[in-house]
Amino acid sequence: MEVVERTDQRTISARSPPCGAQARSGAAGPTGCSETHASAQFRKFPKLASESRARRRGHVLCRAVPAEGIHLTALREVTSSPALDAPVRARLSRHEDPARLGALLVDLPYFHRFTVEVMRYVAKLPPRPSAWGAALHTGGAVQLLTELTLVARRDRDDAVAAIALGLASHLSIDRALHPLVNSLARRHPAGKNHDASHREVEKFQSICFHESYMGRDLMGTSAITGYLEIPALARLDEPRLSAQVRQAWTAALGSAPSAGELSGFGRGYRAHIRLIGWPVGKRIAPAAAKDAARPRYLHGAWGTFASALSAAVTESARTLNAVAAVLDAEAKDLAGALAALHAILPPGTIDPPGDEQTLERPFTPRLGDSQAPS
């Protein structure tokens, strides 16, 4: 399928040269990161963004943003997937910005007090763990999705409904792809522990994939800041939306961040994406490191990352359709709609470990609990 170039100002700065032509022709981008094993697969995506997880610990420059790019791209792609019901597509198109906020919601806690984290990095101190991030990724995220969907129903709020749909996309992509990510992290240890290895996999998968997908490397340019920018983050300062999100959070986890903390998550994220748009952002993944990473993380007996992502996006449409069914269900049908949602995306971790065979056979992304830890 032919890729389509998108050049809206939010995603690619007007100061940035257009991209997409190289991706369409298969030519290498300016940095030479043409991912030949992925190139045929990413063209299966119905539209090209000519625009461009956080783990509990990580390098201050790449703590979450590479994976955030994957989540925003996955949301864009599922919006045009034929597997997505037409009314859900229309809902996402009308409320794209809050949906993008939802696509990053469970990762935002990792950006709290970002300036302090920068100073800790300069002082060679380890990043502080995020209790909220860990609680969500290890078991609370699906319940947060359920409760946020119920808040949107109760308040008949289109923005909260869109946030829930974006959140459904994130949870589906993590649940579907993390068995692969964790298996690769165990096979190719990097850093002091498994978390560091996991971050390394996600970093290079995202950066190398997006270079092919977009036709050039956006790291260290204003274009990456533009792609990752989410104006709806400012709405976390609004008392109504803040209260709605925190009510859902409390219902899911028993407590929630304060209004100030939630607002701080958004401020930290915005500071982070500005930083990686500066030239220092180029240091996250030098060309030689990307060349060494591709055969480890982008393709193997398990297939290609681009193909796995494409399949995960298709799977995620099932979750979004089910969330929309909960949003629209009559009161008498609500219990059935919730049961259907949890049958597609069962509660539990969104970070399945995979197993010893994951990398020895073609990888099939799945949303069910068969890949969850025993």
Protein backbone atom coordinates (compact mmCIF):
# COMPACT_ATOMS: atom_id res chain seq x y z
CA MET A 1 0.00 0.00 0.00
CA GLU A 2 1.36 3.40 -0.91
CA VAL A 3 2.38 5.54 1.99
CA VAL A 4 0.93 9.02 2.29
CA GLU A 5 2.91 12.00 3.40
CA ARG A 6 1.49 14.18 6.18
CA THR A 7 2.97 17.60 6.80
CA ASP A 8 0.72 19.29 9.34
CA GLN A 9 2.49 21.81 11.52
CA ARG A 10 1.93 19.95 14.77
CA THR A 11 3.98 16.98 13.70
CA ILE A 12 6.70 18.30 11.42
CA SER A 13 8.00 21.78 11.93
CA ALA A 14 7.72 24.08 8.95
CA ARG A 15 11.44 24.65 9.37
CA SER A 16 12.15 20.96 8.74
CA PRO A 17 12.70 19.62 5.23
CA PRO A 18 9.87 17.42 3.98
CA CYS A 19 10.27 13.74 4.47
CA GLY A 20 8.51 10.70 3.10
CA ALA A 21 9.93 10.67 -0.40
CA GLN A 22 12.88 8.57 0.64
CA ALA A 23 10.61 6.17 2.50
CA ARG A 24 8.49 5.79 -0.62
CA SER A 25 11.50 5.16 -2.83
CA GLY A 26 13.32 2.92 -0.34
CA ALA A 27 16.34 5.19 -0.31
CA ALA A 28 18.39 5.65 2.80
CA GLY A 29 17.70 8.67 4.92
CA PRO A 30 20.32 11.33 5.55
CA THR A 31 21.86 9.24 8.31
CA GLY A 32 21.87 6.05 6.26
CA CYS A 33 19.37 4.24 8.50
CA SER A 34 17.32 2.55 5.80
CA GLU A 35 16.04 -0.58 7.59
CA THR A 36 15.81 -2.97 4.66
CA HIS A 37 14.18 -5.75 6.66
CA ALA A 38 11.43 -3.37 7.78
CA SER A 39 10.95 -1.28 4.64
CA ALA A 40 8.49 -3.57 2.92
CA GLN A 41 6.54 -4.09 6.14
CA PHE A 42 6.09 -0.49 7.20
CA ARG A 43 4.55 0.31 3.81
CA LYS A 44 1.66 -1.90 4.88
CA PHE A 45 0.63 0.89 7.23
CA PRO A 46 -2.13 2.86 5.53
CA LYS A 47 -0.71 6.29 6.22
CA LEU A 48 2.74 7.66 6.80
CA ALA A 49 3.34 10.23 9.44
CA SER A 50 5.75 12.56 7.83
CA GLU A 51 5.89 13.75 11.40
CA SER A 52 7.47 11.87 13.75
CA ARG A 53 7.61 3.24 27.84
CA ALA A 54 8.99 4.49 29.90
CA ARG A 55 10.61 2.07 32.19
CA ARG A 56 11.08 2.61 35.91
CA ARG A 57 14.67 3.74 35.43
CA GLY A 58 16.66 5.09 32.53
CA HIS A 59 18.99 7.52 30.87
CA VAL A 60 17.59 10.99 31.29
CA LEU A 61 17.75 11.70 27.56
CA CYS A 62 15.97 8.55 26.39
CA ARG A 63 13.98 7.56 29.43
CA ALA A 64 10.70 7.14 27.57
CA VAL A 65 10.44 9.15 24.41
CA PRO A 66 11.51 6.56 21.82
CA ALA A 67 8.70 4.25 22.97
CA GLU A 68 6.32 7.19 23.20
CA GLY A 69 6.85 7.67 19.49
CA ILE A 70 5.78 4.09 18.91
CA HIS A 71 2.59 4.64 20.92
CA LEU A 72 1.66 7.81 19.05
CA THR A 73 2.39 6.15 15.70
CA ALA A 74 0.35 3.09 16.69
CA LEU A 75 -2.61 5.30 17.57
CA ARG A 76 -2.41 7.08 14.20
CA GLU A 77 -2.22 3.80 12.35
CA VAL A 78 -5.11 2.11 14.14
CA THR A 79 -7.25 5.14 13.34
CA SER A 80 -7.06 4.21 9.66
CA SER A 81 -7.07 0.43 10.12
CA PRO A 82 -9.95 -1.40 8.43
CA ALA A 83 -10.18 -3.46 11.64
CA LEU A 84 -11.43 -0.37 13.49
CA ASP A 85 -15.16 0.24 13.47
CA ALA A 86 -16.12 3.36 11.52
CA PRO A 87 -17.81 5.17 14.45
CA VAL A 88 -14.67 4.67 16.55
CA ARG A 89 -12.53 6.08 13.75
CA ALA A 90 -14.79 9.11 13.56
CA ARG A 91 -14.59 9.61 17.32
CA LEU A 92 -10.78 9.50 17.23
CA SER A 93 -10.63 11.87 14.28
CA ARG A 94 -12.82 14.43 16.07
CA HIS A 95 -10.86 14.20 19.32
CA GLU A 96 -7.33 13.33 18.18
CA ASP A 97 -5.44 15.43 20.73
CA PRO A 98 -7.05 13.99 23.90
CA ALA A 99 -6.67 10.53 22.36
CA ARG A 100 -2.93 11.21 22.01
CA LEU A 101 -2.89 12.23 25.68
CA GLY A 102 -4.52 8.90 26.52
CA ALA A 103 -1.93 7.04 24.47
CA LEU A 104 0.79 8.32 26.85
CA LEU A 105 -1.17 8.53 30.11
CA VAL A 106 0.33 5.51 31.90
CA ASP A 107 3.87 6.64 31.03
CA LEU A 108 3.50 10.24 32.20
CA PRO A 109 4.43 9.47 35.85
CA TYR A 110 7.99 8.75 34.70
CA PHE A 111 8.36 12.42 33.77
CA HIS A 112 7.46 13.87 37.18
CA ARG A 113 10.02 16.42 38.41
CA PHE A 114 11.97 16.06 35.20
CA THR A 115 14.28 19.00 35.96
CA VAL A 116 15.33 17.28 39.19
CA GLU A 117 16.04 14.13 37.18
CA VAL A 118 18.26 16.10 34.82
CA MET A 119 20.23 17.43 37.78
CA ARG A 120 20.55 13.90 39.20
CA TYR A 121 21.87 12.74 35.85
CA VAL A 122 24.45 15.53 35.74
CA ALA A 123 25.48 14.58 39.29
CA LYS A 124 25.79 10.93 38.16
CA LEU A 125 23.01 9.83 40.49
CA PRO A 126 20.56 7.10 39.42
CA PRO A 127 17.02 8.16 38.46
CA ARG A 128 14.43 7.73 41.17
CA PRO A 129 11.87 4.97 40.61
CA SER A 130 8.28 5.90 39.79
CA ALA A 131 5.81 4.18 42.11
CA TRP A 132 2.86 5.23 39.95
CA GLY A 133 4.51 4.04 36.75
CA ALA A 134 5.35 0.68 38.27
CA ALA A 135 1.86 0.23 39.75
CA LEU A 136 0.26 0.86 36.37
CA HIS A 137 2.54 -1.30 34.27
CA THR A 138 2.56 -4.28 36.62
CA GLY A 139 -1.18 -4.66 37.04
CA GLY A 140 -3.25 -1.49 37.41
CA ALA A 141 -3.42 -0.17 33.86
CA VAL A 142 -6.31 -2.27 32.55
CA GLN A 143 -8.41 -1.38 35.59
CA LEU A 144 -7.57 2.29 35.00
CA LEU A 145 -8.87 1.89 31.45
CA THR A 146 -12.10 0.36 32.76
CA GLU A 147 -12.65 3.11 35.32
CA LEU A 148 -11.80 5.92 32.90
CA THR A 149 -14.30 4.51 30.41
CA LEU A 150 -16.96 4.46 33.13
CA VAL A 151 -16.19 8.08 34.04
CA ALA A 152 -16.60 9.08 30.40
CA ARG A 153 -19.97 7.28 30.31
CA ARG A 154 -21.13 8.88 33.55
CA ASP A 155 -20.19 12.39 32.49
CA ARG A 156 -20.98 11.99 28.77
CA ASP A 157 -17.60 13.55 28.14
CA ASP A 158 -16.13 13.16 24.66
CA ALA A 159 -12.61 14.21 25.70
CA VAL A 160 -12.44 11.62 28.50
CA ALA A 161 -13.82 9.01 26.09
CA ALA A 162 -11.02 9.85 23.63
CA ILE A 163 -8.42 9.60 26.42
CA ALA A 164 -9.79 6.13 27.21
CA LEU A 165 -9.48 5.09 23.58
CA GLY A 166 -5.89 6.34 23.41
CA LEU A 167 -5.13 4.51 26.65
CA ALA A 168 -6.62 1.33 25.16
CA SER A 169 -4.18 1.65 22.26
CA HIS A 170 -1.16 1.96 24.58
CA LEU A 171 -2.15 -0.99 26.75
CA SER A 172 -2.77 -3.17 23.72
CA ILE A 173 0.57 -2.35 22.11
CA ASP A 174 2.49 -3.01 25.34
CA ARG A 175 0.62 -6.26 26.04
CA ALA A 176 1.15 -7.46 22.46
CA LEU A 177 4.80 -6.50 21.96
CA HIS A 178 6.45 -6.79 25.37
CA PRO A 179 6.91 -10.56 25.21
CA LEU A 180 9.17 -9.86 22.24
CA VAL A 181 10.88 -6.87 23.87
CA ASN A 182 11.57 -8.76 27.10
CA SER A 183 12.84 -11.84 25.28
CA LEU A 184 15.24 -9.72 23.24
CA ALA A 185 16.36 -7.96 26.42
CA ARG A 186 17.24 -11.28 28.04
CA ARG A 187 19.12 -12.47 24.98
CA HIS A 188 21.08 -9.24 24.61
CA PRO A 189 21.86 -7.91 28.11
CA ALA A 190 22.76 -4.22 28.22
CA GLY A 191 23.42 -2.14 31.30
CA LYS A 192 23.12 -3.19 34.93
CA ASN A 193 19.84 -5.09 34.90
CA HIS A 194 16.89 -6.31 32.84
CA ASP A 195 15.18 -2.91 32.96
CA ALA A 196 18.19 -1.33 31.29
CA SER A 197 18.21 -4.05 28.63
CA HIS A 198 14.47 -3.57 28.05
CA ARG A 199 14.97 0.15 27.54
CA GLU A 200 17.78 -0.51 25.08
CA VAL A 201 15.55 -2.75 22.96
CA GLU A 202 12.69 -0.24 22.94
CA LYS A 203 15.01 2.64 22.16
CA PHE A 204 16.57 1.12 19.08
CA GLN A 205 13.37 -0.51 17.82
CA SER A 206 11.62 2.82 17.89
CA ILE A 207 14.39 5.02 16.57
CA CYS A 208 15.40 2.72 13.69
CA PHE A 209 11.78 1.93 12.80
CA HIS A 210 10.87 5.60 12.69
CA GLU A 211 13.86 6.51 10.55
CA SER A 212 12.54 4.16 7.89
CA TYR A 213 8.92 5.10 8.50
CA MET A 214 9.62 8.81 8.20
CA GLY A 215 12.52 8.77 5.76
CA ARG A 216 15.02 10.48 8.06
CA ASP A 217 16.30 10.74 11.62
CA LEU A 218 14.35 13.34 13.60
CA MET A 219 16.23 12.99 16.88
CA GLY A 220 17.92 16.23 17.93
CA THR A 221 15.68 18.36 15.69
CA SER A 222 12.61 20.50 16.27
CA ALA A 223 10.64 17.97 14.24
CA ILE A 224 10.80 15.34 16.99
CA THR A 225 9.51 17.87 19.51
CA GLY A 226 6.69 18.74 17.13
CA TYR A 227 5.75 15.11 16.63
CA LEU A 228 5.65 14.34 20.34
CA GLU A 229 3.89 17.56 21.36
CA ILE A 230 0.41 17.07 22.87
CA PRO A 231 -1.42 20.33 23.54
CA ALA A 232 -4.08 18.48 25.53
CA LEU A 233 -1.50 17.91 28.28
CA ALA A 234 -2.21 21.47 29.39
CA ARG A 235 -5.75 20.37 30.19
CA LEU A 236 -4.42 18.31 33.09
CA ASP A 237 -4.28 21.69 34.85
CA GLU A 238 -8.07 22.08 34.43
CA PRO A 239 -9.95 21.15 37.62
CA ARG A 240 -12.65 19.15 35.82
CA LEU A 241 -10.40 16.93 33.69
CA SER A 242 -7.87 16.52 36.50
CA ALA A 243 -10.65 15.40 38.84
CA GLN A 244 -12.05 12.97 36.27
CA VAL A 245 -8.68 11.32 35.65
CA ARG A 246 -7.86 11.14 39.34
CA GLN A 247 -11.30 9.67 40.18
CA ALA A 248 -10.69 6.88 37.70
CA TRP A 249 -7.14 6.41 39.04
CA THR A 250 -8.43 6.12 42.63
CA ALA A 251 -11.14 3.66 41.64
CA ALA A 252 -8.53 1.53 39.87
CA LEU A 253 -5.61 1.69 42.32
CA GLY A 254 -7.09 2.85 45.62
CA SER A 255 -5.39 6.25 45.49
CA ALA A 256 -4.25 8.72 42.88
CA PRO A 257 -1.66 11.42 42.25
CA SER A 258 -2.59 14.83 43.62
CA ALA A 259 -3.75 17.49 41.19
CA GLY A 260 -0.31 19.05 41.46
CA GLU A 261 1.47 15.80 40.73
CA LEU A 262 -0.71 15.09 37.71
CA SER A 263 -0.05 18.53 36.33
CA GLY A 264 3.66 18.02 37.00
CA PHE A 265 3.66 14.84 34.92
CA GLY A 266 2.61 16.92 31.92
CA ARG A 267 5.12 19.68 32.56
CA GLY A 268 7.92 17.14 32.85
CA TYR A 269 6.96 15.49 29.58
CA ARG A 270 6.93 18.82 27.76
CA ALA A 271 10.38 19.68 29.15
CA HIS A 272 11.67 16.28 28.03
CA ILE A 273 10.53 16.56 24.44
CA ARG A 274 12.05 20.03 24.18
CA LEU A 275 15.38 18.66 25.40
CA ILE A 276 15.58 15.84 22.88
CA GLY A 277 14.77 18.35 20.13
CA TRP A 278 18.08 20.06 20.86
CA PRO A 279 21.26 18.82 19.16
CA VAL A 280 22.11 16.78 22.26
CA GLY A 281 19.24 14.50 21.21
CA LYS A 282 21.46 13.13 18.46
CA ARG A 283 23.62 11.50 21.13
CA ILE A 284 20.86 9.08 22.12
CA ALA A 285 21.54 6.73 19.21
CA PRO A 286 24.63 7.40 17.07
CA ALA A 287 24.75 5.86 13.60
CA ALA A 288 27.24 3.13 14.54
CA ALA A 289 25.10 2.09 17.50
CA LYS A 290 22.04 1.84 15.25
CA ASP A 291 23.93 -0.27 12.73
CA ALA A 292 24.94 -2.68 15.52
CA ALA A 293 21.42 -2.74 17.00
CA ARG A 294 19.42 -3.60 13.87
CA PRO A 295 20.39 -7.29 13.61
CA ARG A 296 19.80 -7.69 17.37
CA TYR A 297 16.48 -5.92 17.77
CA LEU A 298 14.85 -5.28 14.38
CA HIS A 299 14.74 -8.73 12.76
CA GLY A 300 15.45 -12.40 13.40
CA ALA A 301 13.89 -15.86 13.26
CA TRP A 302 10.93 -14.26 15.03
CA GLY A 303 10.28 -11.92 12.07
CA THR A 304 10.68 -8.15 11.79
CA PHE A 305 9.74 -5.45 14.25
CA ALA A 306 7.79 -3.57 11.60
CA SER A 307 5.66 -6.64 10.90
CA ALA A 308 5.13 -7.25 14.63
CA LEU A 309 4.07 -3.65 15.16
CA SER A 310 1.69 -3.79 12.22
CA ALA A 311 0.06 -6.93 13.64
CA ALA A 312 -0.11 -5.38 17.12
CA VAL A 313 -1.86 -2.32 15.71
CA THR A 314 -4.45 -4.57 14.07
CA GLU A 315 -4.93 -6.42 17.37
CA SER A 316 -5.33 -3.13 19.22
CA ALA A 317 -8.35 -2.25 17.10
CA ARG A 318 -10.24 -5.02 18.88
CA THR A 319 -9.65 -3.30 22.21
CA LEU A 320 -10.67 0.11 20.93
CA ASN A 321 -13.86 -1.33 19.42
CA ALA A 322 -14.65 -2.97 22.76
CA VAL A 323 -14.02 0.26 24.71
CA ALA A 324 -16.34 2.12 22.36
CA ALA A 325 -18.98 -0.55 22.93
CA VAL A 326 -18.75 0.09 26.68
CA LEU A 327 -19.01 3.83 26.12
CA ASP A 328 -22.15 3.44 24.02
CA ALA A 329 -23.88 0.52 25.76
CA GLU A 330 -27.34 0.85 27.21
CA ALA A 331 -27.38 0.42 31.00
CA LYS A 332 -28.87 -3.06 30.67
CA ASP A 333 -26.01 -4.09 28.35
CA LEU A 334 -23.13 -2.52 30.31
CA ALA A 335 -22.08 -5.65 32.22
CA GLY A 336 -21.90 -7.64 29.00
CA ALA A 337 -19.88 -4.93 27.25
CA LEU A 338 -17.39 -4.82 30.13
CA ALA A 339 -17.08 -8.60 30.09
CA ALA A 340 -16.39 -8.49 26.36
CA LEU A 341 -13.68 -5.84 26.87
CA HIS A 342 -11.97 -7.92 29.56
CA ALA A 343 -12.16 -11.03 27.39
CA ILE A 344 -10.15 -9.18 24.73
CA LEU A 345 -7.77 -7.38 27.12
CA PRO A 346 -7.75 -9.33 30.40
CA PRO A 347 -6.68 -7.51 33.57
CA GLY A 348 -3.08 -8.03 34.65
CA THR A 349 0.37 -6.87 33.66
CA ILE A 350 0.94 -5.03 30.40
CA ASP A 351 4.58 -6.19 30.51
CA PRO A 352 4.46 -9.95 29.74
CA PRO A 353 7.89 -11.61 29.91
CA GLY A 354 7.75 -13.91 26.88
CA ASP A 355 9.52 -17.26 27.13
CA GLU A 356 12.53 -19.13 25.81
CA GLN A 357 10.77 -19.97 22.55
CA THR A 358 9.62 -16.44 21.70
CA LEU A 359 12.64 -15.69 19.52
CA GLU A 360 12.86 -19.12 17.88
CA ARG A 361 9.59 -18.98 15.94
CA PRO A 362 7.55 -16.36 14.10
CA PHE A 363 6.25 -13.94 16.72
CA THR A 364 2.50 -13.37 16.86
CA PRO A 365 1.34 -10.41 18.97
CA ARG A 366 -1.56 -11.33 21.25
CA LEU A 367 -3.66 -9.46 23.80
CA GLY A 368 -4.85 -12.40 25.90
CA ASP A 369 -3.42 -13.69 29.12
CA SER A 370 -1.57 -16.63 27.54
CA GLN A 371 1.58 -14.47 27.49
CA ALA A 372 1.19 -13.18 31.04
CA PRO A 373 3.56 -14.39 33.74
CA SER A 374 2.60 -17.62 35.45
